[in-house]
Protein backbone atom coordinates (compact mmCIF):
# COMPACT_ATOMS: atom_id res chain seq x y z
CA MET A 1 3.29 0.35 13.29
CA ARG A 2 1.38 -2.19 14.47
CA LEU A 3 -2.53 -2.62 13.11
CA ASN A 4 -4.80 -3.83 15.66
CA SER A 5 -8.47 -5.29 15.49
CA GLY A 6 -9.94 -2.05 16.86
CA VAL A 7 -7.86 0.48 13.85
CA LEU A 8 -9.05 -2.59 11.64
CA LEU A 9 -12.44 -2.18 12.06
CA ALA A 10 -12.58 1.72 12.03
CA ALA A 11 -10.95 1.53 8.95
CA SER A 12 -13.30 -0.59 7.79
CA LEU A 13 -16.52 1.55 8.72
CA PHE A 14 -15.24 4.53 7.74
CA ALA A 15 -14.70 3.12 4.16
CA CYS A 16 -17.94 1.93 4.19
CA ALA A 17 -19.24 5.05 5.07
CA SER A 18 -16.70 6.75 2.73
CA SER A 19 -18.77 4.81 -0.06
CA TRP A 20 -21.76 6.89 -0.48
CA ALA A 21 -21.99 10.28 -1.49
CA PRO A 22 -24.58 12.76 -3.00
CA ALA A 23 -24.27 13.11 -6.72
CA ASP A 24 -22.98 16.79 -7.00
CA ALA A 25 -20.26 15.52 -4.17
CA VAL A 26 -19.28 12.52 -7.31
CA GLU A 27 -19.35 15.49 -9.93
CA LEU A 28 -17.01 17.77 -8.40
CA PHE A 29 -13.97 14.97 -9.11
CA GLU A 30 -15.95 12.81 -11.20
CA GLY A 31 -13.33 12.30 -14.10
CA LYS A 32 -10.68 14.59 -13.10
CA THR A 33 -7.04 14.69 -12.10
CA ILE A 34 -5.92 15.75 -8.65
CA ASN A 35 -2.83 17.15 -9.17
CA LEU A 36 0.04 16.73 -5.90
CA THR A 37 2.94 18.88 -6.16
CA VAL A 38 5.62 18.25 -3.74
CA GLY A 39 8.07 21.19 -3.10
CA TYR A 40 11.69 18.64 -3.41
CA SER A 41 13.19 16.67 -5.69
CA ALA A 42 12.05 12.64 -6.22
CA GLY A 43 13.18 10.04 -3.84
CA GLY A 44 13.09 12.47 -0.69
CA GLY A 45 11.40 12.04 2.35
CA TYR A 46 8.04 14.62 1.24
CA ASP A 47 8.03 12.36 -2.12
CA VAL A 48 7.66 9.51 -0.74
CA TYR A 49 4.63 10.29 1.81
CA SER A 50 3.16 12.74 -1.53
CA ARG A 51 3.15 9.31 -4.07
CA LEU A 52 2.21 6.66 -0.91
CA LEU A 53 -0.91 9.51 -0.32
CA ALA A 54 -1.07 9.83 -4.33
CA ARG A 55 -2.14 5.75 -4.55
CA HIS A 56 -4.29 5.95 -1.95
CA ILE A 57 -6.44 9.25 -1.25
CA PRO A 58 -8.62 8.88 -4.17
CA GLN A 59 -11.05 5.90 -3.61
CA TYR A 60 -12.31 7.88 -0.38
CA ILE A 61 -12.92 11.37 -2.69
CA PRO A 62 -16.13 10.59 -4.51
CA GLY A 63 -16.05 10.31 -7.91
CA LYS A 64 -12.65 8.87 -7.72
CA PRO A 65 -10.44 11.41 -9.59
CA ASN A 66 -6.84 9.93 -10.07
CA ALA A 67 -3.88 11.63 -8.36
CA VAL A 68 -0.40 12.38 -9.49
CA VAL A 69 2.39 13.46 -8.24
CA GLN A 70 4.37 16.22 -9.87
CA ASN A 71 8.21 17.51 -8.46
CA MET A 72 8.48 21.33 -8.27
CA PRO A 73 12.15 21.52 -6.20
CA GLY A 74 13.41 25.09 -4.98
CA ALA A 75 13.81 27.10 -2.13
CA GLY A 76 13.13 24.73 0.21
CA SER A 77 9.79 24.07 -1.00
CA ALA A 78 9.21 27.76 -1.02
CA LYS A 79 8.46 27.71 -4.92
CA ALA A 80 5.98 24.73 -4.64
CA ALA A 81 4.38 26.83 -1.72
CA SER A 82 4.29 30.01 -3.77
CA TYR A 83 2.82 28.31 -6.62
CA ILE A 84 -0.16 26.88 -4.78
CA TYR A 85 -1.00 30.13 -2.67
CA SER A 86 -0.65 31.87 -6.54
CA ALA A 87 -0.95 29.68 -9.28
CA ALA A 88 -2.50 26.41 -9.00
CA PRO A 89 -6.15 26.00 -9.50
CA ARG A 90 -9.10 26.67 -6.63
CA ASP A 91 -11.15 23.90 -7.47
CA GLY A 92 -9.64 21.09 -5.51
CA THR A 93 -7.24 19.44 -7.78
CA ALA A 94 -4.31 21.02 -6.32
CA ILE A 95 -2.94 19.92 -3.58
CA GLY A 96 0.78 20.91 -2.06
CA SER A 97 3.05 18.90 0.18
CA VAL A 98 5.69 21.48 1.73
CA ALA A 99 8.32 21.65 4.64
CA PRO A 100 6.51 23.03 7.98
CA GLY A 101 9.86 25.30 7.57
CA VAL A 102 8.45 27.44 5.09
CA ILE A 103 5.09 27.48 6.88
CA ILE A 104 6.99 29.22 9.88
CA ALA A 105 9.35 30.67 7.31
CA PRO A 106 7.16 34.52 7.02
CA LEU A 107 6.92 34.50 10.61
CA LEU A 108 11.01 33.98 11.30
CA ASP A 109 12.16 35.71 8.33
CA PRO A 110 10.10 39.09 8.03
CA LYS A 111 12.68 40.42 5.23
CA SER A 112 12.31 37.25 2.89
CA ASP A 113 10.21 37.91 -0.56
CA LEU A 114 8.12 34.90 0.16
CA ARG A 115 4.83 35.54 -1.70
CA TYR A 116 2.62 33.54 0.01
CA ASP A 117 0.45 34.03 3.41
CA PRO A 118 0.60 30.48 5.44
CA THR A 119 -2.11 31.31 7.42
CA ARG A 120 -4.62 31.69 4.43
CA PHE A 121 -3.40 28.04 3.30
CA ILE A 122 -5.95 25.67 4.05
CA TYR A 123 -4.78 22.59 5.88
CA ILE A 124 -6.27 19.19 4.90
CA GLY A 125 -3.99 17.75 7.53
CA THR A 126 -0.58 16.15 7.95
CA ALA A 127 0.53 12.52 7.96
CA ASP A 128 3.34 12.96 10.43
CA SER A 129 4.37 14.53 13.69
CA GLY A 130 7.94 13.20 13.74
CA THR A 131 10.94 13.39 15.36
CA ARG A 132 14.19 15.31 13.92
CA VAL A 133 17.49 14.09 13.78
CA CYS A 134 21.24 14.83 12.99
CA ALA A 135 23.04 12.00 11.94
CA THR A 136 26.78 11.16 10.30
CA LEU A 137 28.11 8.43 8.77
CA LYS A 138 30.81 6.35 10.34
CA ARG A 139 33.36 7.76 7.64
CA SER A 140 32.89 10.90 9.54
CA ASN A 141 35.40 11.53 12.50
CA ILE A 142 32.41 12.97 14.65
CA ALA A 143 29.89 10.16 16.37
CA THR A 144 28.42 11.74 18.93
CA PHE A 145 26.96 15.68 19.61
CA GLU A 146 29.39 16.50 22.03
CA GLU A 147 32.38 16.05 19.73
CA ALA A 148 30.52 18.15 17.25
CA GLN A 149 30.76 20.69 19.70
CA LEU A 150 34.25 20.39 19.77
CA ARG A 151 35.40 19.83 16.05
CA LYS A 152 34.13 21.36 12.76
CA THR A 153 30.99 19.34 11.63
CA ILE A 154 30.26 19.66 7.71
CA ILE A 155 26.04 19.40 7.09
CA GLY A 156 24.63 19.51 3.51
CA GLY A 157 21.17 21.58 3.50
CA VAL A 158 18.83 22.46 0.96
CA ALA A 159 18.09 26.13 1.46
CA PRO A 160 16.86 28.52 4.34
CA GLY A 161 13.67 27.95 5.33
CA SER A 162 14.20 23.98 4.96
CA SER A 163 14.71 22.09 8.09
CA THR A 164 17.96 20.59 6.86
CA VAL A 165 18.87 24.39 6.79
CA ASP A 166 17.18 26.03 10.00
CA TYR A 167 17.99 23.44 12.41
CA PRO A 168 21.81 23.18 12.23
CA PHE A 169 21.86 26.80 12.52
CA LEU A 170 19.57 26.78 15.34
CA HIS A 171 21.78 23.66 17.02
CA LYS A 172 24.88 25.86 16.50
CA ARG A 173 23.37 29.05 18.33
CA THR A 174 21.87 27.34 20.88
CA SER A 175 23.37 24.09 21.77
CA GLY A 176 26.88 25.27 20.48
CA ALA A 177 27.19 22.76 17.74
CA ASN A 178 30.32 23.66 15.32
CA PHE A 179 28.11 22.98 12.32
CA GLU A 180 29.56 24.69 9.04
CA VAL A 181 26.56 24.51 6.67
CA VAL A 182 26.65 24.31 3.08
CA SER A 183 23.81 24.32 1.51
CA GLY A 184 22.27 23.86 -2.01
CA TYR A 185 21.33 20.72 -2.50
CA PRO A 186 17.92 20.01 -4.20
CA GLY A 187 16.68 17.51 -1.32
CA SER A 188 17.71 14.82 1.53
CA ALA A 189 18.69 12.31 -1.45
CA GLU A 190 21.06 14.61 -2.84
CA ILE A 191 22.19 15.39 0.39
CA ALA A 192 22.53 11.47 1.59
CA LEU A 193 24.74 10.96 -1.73
CA ALA A 194 27.06 13.62 -1.01
CA MET A 195 27.73 11.61 2.31
CA GLU A 196 28.25 8.88 0.89
CA ARG A 197 30.63 10.69 -1.31
CA GLY A 198 32.28 12.12 1.59
CA GLU A 199 31.22 15.29 0.22
CA VAL A 200 29.83 16.40 3.70
CA ASP A 201 29.71 14.88 7.23
CA GLY A 202 25.92 14.81 7.59
CA ILE A 203 22.70 15.89 7.62
CA CYS A 204 20.98 17.99 10.40
CA GLY A 205 16.95 18.66 10.83
CA MET A 206 15.72 15.37 8.72
CA ASP A 207 12.92 13.42 10.21
CA TRP A 208 13.78 10.29 11.43
CA SER A 209 11.08 7.93 9.71
CA SER A 210 12.29 9.86 6.24
CA LEU A 211 16.02 9.39 6.73
CA LYS A 212 15.41 5.79 7.88
CA SER A 213 13.01 5.20 4.04
CA LEU A 214 15.66 6.41 2.37
CA ARG A 215 18.25 4.97 3.36
CA PRO A 216 17.58 1.61 5.84
CA ASP A 217 20.91 0.15 4.89
CA TRP A 218 22.52 2.61 7.14
CA LEU A 219 20.59 1.35 10.13
CA ARG A 220 20.79 -1.94 9.00
CA ASP A 221 24.40 -2.12 8.47
CA ASN A 222 24.81 0.25 11.54
CA SER A 223 27.05 2.42 9.28
CA MET A 224 25.75 6.10 10.44
CA HIS A 225 25.74 7.53 13.80
CA VAL A 226 22.52 9.71 15.42
CA LEU A 227 23.64 12.72 16.76
CA VAL A 228 20.68 14.13 18.39
CA GLN A 229 16.66 13.90 18.51
CA ALA A 230 14.46 16.47 18.73
CA GLY A 231 10.92 16.13 19.32
CA LEU A 232 7.53 17.64 21.19
CA LYS A 233 8.46 14.03 22.60
CA PRO A 234 11.12 11.64 23.29
CA ASN A 235 10.92 8.91 20.18
CA ALA A 236 11.20 5.46 21.77
CA GLU A 237 13.14 4.05 19.10
CA LEU A 238 15.76 6.70 18.99
CA ASP A 239 15.32 6.10 23.14
CA LYS A 240 16.78 2.37 22.90
CA LEU A 241 19.56 3.49 20.23
CA GLY A 242 20.93 5.87 23.10
CA VAL A 243 20.43 9.11 20.80
CA PRO A 244 20.13 11.74 23.30
CA GLU A 245 17.67 14.61 23.17
CA ILE A 246 18.49 18.26 22.36
CA TRP A 247 17.22 19.54 25.71
CA LYS A 248 20.02 18.05 27.20
CA PHE A 249 22.54 20.80 25.45
CA THR A 250 20.30 23.35 25.21
CA HIS A 251 21.25 25.53 28.30
CA GLY A 252 19.27 28.48 29.63
CA ASP A 253 15.95 29.80 29.65
CA ASP A 254 15.54 31.83 26.23
CA ASN A 255 17.50 29.06 24.58
CA ARG A 256 14.98 26.57 25.86
CA ARG A 257 11.94 28.56 24.38
CA VAL A 258 13.50 29.53 21.27
CA VAL A 259 14.20 25.78 20.51
CA GLU A 260 10.86 24.79 21.79
CA LEU A 261 9.15 27.72 19.16
CA ILE A 262 10.91 25.91 16.07
CA VAL A 263 10.27 22.46 17.43
CA ALA A 264 6.56 23.32 17.33
CA GLN A 265 6.64 22.96 13.85
CA GLN A 266 6.94 19.57 13.82
CA VAL A 267 2.98 19.33 15.05
CA PHE A 268 2.66 18.98 11.01
CA GLY A 269 5.70 17.40 10.00
CA ARG A 270 4.28 16.12 6.48
CA PRO A 271 1.49 18.69 5.84
CA PHE A 272 -0.93 18.86 3.07
CA ILE A 273 -2.34 22.06 2.26
CA LEU A 274 -4.46 23.75 -0.50
CA PRO A 275 -4.79 27.02 -2.31
CA PRO A 276 -6.63 30.04 -0.53
CA GLY A 277 -10.04 30.10 -1.74
CA THR A 278 -10.40 26.59 -2.45
CA PRO A 279 -14.18 26.06 -2.12
CA GLU A 280 -15.47 24.53 1.03
CA ALA A 281 -17.48 21.62 0.02
CA GLN A 282 -14.12 20.72 -1.80
CA ALA A 283 -11.95 21.29 0.95
CA ALA A 284 -14.44 19.40 3.45
CA ILE A 285 -14.17 16.24 1.01
CA LEU A 286 -10.56 16.28 0.60
CA ARG A 287 -10.21 16.89 4.81
CA GLN A 288 -12.13 13.41 5.53
CA ALA A 289 -10.65 11.67 2.52
CA PHE A 290 -7.32 12.38 4.00
CA ASP A 291 -8.62 11.18 7.61
CA LEU A 292 -9.88 7.95 6.14
CA THR A 293 -6.32 6.83 4.24
CA MET A 294 -4.67 7.83 7.19
CA ARG A 295 -7.07 5.28 9.04
CA SER A 296 -6.69 2.98 5.93
CA PRO A 297 -5.68 -0.41 6.73
CA GLN A 298 -4.10 -0.83 3.11
CA PHE A 299 -1.96 3.02 3.49
CA LEU A 300 -0.68 1.58 6.80
CA THR A 301 0.59 -1.62 5.85
CA GLU A 302 2.43 -0.23 2.64
CA ALA A 303 4.04 2.92 4.76
CA ALA A 304 5.14 0.57 7.45
CA ARG A 305 7.12 -1.45 4.46
CA LEU A 306 8.26 1.25 3.31
CA GLY A 307 9.59 2.49 6.92
CA LEU A 308 7.37 5.45 7.22
CA ALA A 309 5.90 6.49 10.46
CA VAL A 310 2.19 7.54 10.46
CA GLU A 311 0.80 9.86 13.36
CA PRO A 312 -1.51 12.20 11.09
CA ALA A 313 -3.08 15.12 13.00
CA ASP A 314 -6.39 16.80 11.05
CA GLY A 315 -6.93 19.37 8.87
CA GLU A 316 -8.49 21.23 11.77
CA THR A 317 -5.66 20.55 14.40
CA VAL A 318 -2.88 21.73 11.86
CA GLN A 319 -4.95 25.08 11.51
CA GLN A 320 -5.26 25.50 15.30
CA ALA A 321 -1.19 24.44 16.18
CA LEU A 322 -0.20 27.49 13.28
CA ALA A 323 -2.21 29.89 14.51
CA LYS A 324 -0.83 29.30 17.93
CA ILE A 325 2.56 29.74 16.70
CA TYR A 326 1.77 33.01 15.23
CA ALA A 327 0.67 34.20 17.79
CA SER A 328 3.83 33.44 19.87
CA SER A 329 5.42 36.41 21.72
CA THR A 330 7.84 38.77 19.52
CA ASP A 331 10.80 38.47 21.99
CA ILE A 332 11.55 35.12 21.72
CA VAL A 333 10.48 35.42 17.77
CA ALA A 334 13.31 37.65 17.30
CA LYS A 335 15.66 35.50 19.13
CA ALA A 336 14.30 32.37 17.22
CA ARG A 337 15.05 34.79 14.04
CA ALA A 338 18.65 35.32 14.92
CA ALA A 339 19.18 31.67 16.16
CA ILE A 340 18.18 30.27 12.40
CA GLU A 341 19.42 33.38 10.09
CA PRO A 342 22.30 31.63 7.84
């Protein structure tokens, strides 16, 4: 992630513009604390992105409120999504960080007891539109996706609805991967520890930027195998490493359309949400503050130091992408449901 002079200039101008706000806008947030609820345990990718945002976004919000992070792991971040939907304050002081999987879960699992409607969340934006990978450590006897098709590979996961469970089942059903999923881990940090202890062979459905941030030594020491990449477009770094795209192994038009539907959620790889009913004024302020933060040189510099990819999209873009996913044909949705069912 390189900062060119145009980005620096734009960010400077945005920062100057944000330094002025009407008095009533200042009063909406002055002296308050914004609670950013993360649907996973501390140390994982969603937690790292959220803490980075919490350190930088207050300066772009009129009144400069405090921002604190609280972790609420459970059900692949569905617990946090339910809290934001039904219990969190609706005054702009509650932001949620949840997985894309729980945003499309009601579409793909009509029998679920999820008590929220993702189309009613207010999206302030996404910090990344990433590429997801499957990876093993070199102590495993699985070094390529072709080998994972031939031999049983034990994959650690969080819960149904999380990418770490949905994606290995997706690849199992559409590309013939011989994955056995062991779920129940609180987050990706715990799965990484399980890999190091030899409890599982690998992890699947994890964002590449998060994996690098979580275990930079695995990449530095060449101690892991990246089996496959799944994204809307090829990742240049993974291409240089020789990591194949999932499309190479996805045969048949229906299988491809199913994978395309699931992978479409990566448009909003790191979404941040507000409760339904948050007033328009507060939502607009937070959307603008999010956009300004994503352009901030200080934010981008720290993200680069942490190894985090930043390919943001604004809240309106995320809202439109979600609407398109929910408008998918019933036939492909049914096939996608079957593909990711545990």
